[in-house]
Amino acid sequence: MAVVIPQVVTEDRASGAQVIDGSLVFDVGSTRYLEKTFASAGNRQSWTWSGWVKKQKITNDRMVLFGGYGAQNDTDWIEVGFDDDKFYYTQNSVAGQSTEVFRDTSGWQHVVINYNGSNIIFYSNGEQIYSVSKTGNLGINVDGTHRIGRSPSGNTRYLQAQLSTVYFIDGQALTPSNFGFTDPLTNTWRPK
């Protein structure tokens, strides 16, 4: 499944910065989020989430990029996103976060998160920045609620960011090179 938010990538000739048009704005004041409840489960052992994110601000609360929740089992859920200025994941009572910080609210960041049945791996702009050993079914591709921009469980944890070119790939743990590349002229990460 792919949730494609249209984009046009241009370059600001004066600064060389990339400009991504055609994004959705998730603002905590308006409590916007996307939701889909699947009637049946998909591949629970291999998946990839990819998207371009431009955070609106750094908060002292968690901001959820995406997550899944199986209503039939409270332990069958997971959410991932930003905790203050770090990447985080939480599953039931287990949580973890990156040591690397992400404080830029002026530029776009490409985020890829994949699960291969053994590890959840986080990437930022083509670089692996966090990995945690996990096995089993994690709540993604469950026959239940999936959300972008808000916690899939009873918590709110709204995203305050713009998102563009969001993909969810079922059955494959893909790397950032499937979605982007390093531009040899500017040495910046670009979407394919």
Foldseek 3Di string as FASTA:
>chain_A
DWDAQDWDWDADVVPRAIDIPRWDFWAPVVLDKDKDFAQAFFAQQKKKKKWKKQFQFFDQAAWWQKKADDPVDQQQIKTWGDRRFWTKMDGRHDIDTFPDGHGHNPHIWMWMWIGRQFKIWIDILQHTGDIDTDHDGRRPRHNGMMMGQAGRDPHGNGGGIIIGGITMGTPHGDGCVVFWDQDPVVRGIDGD
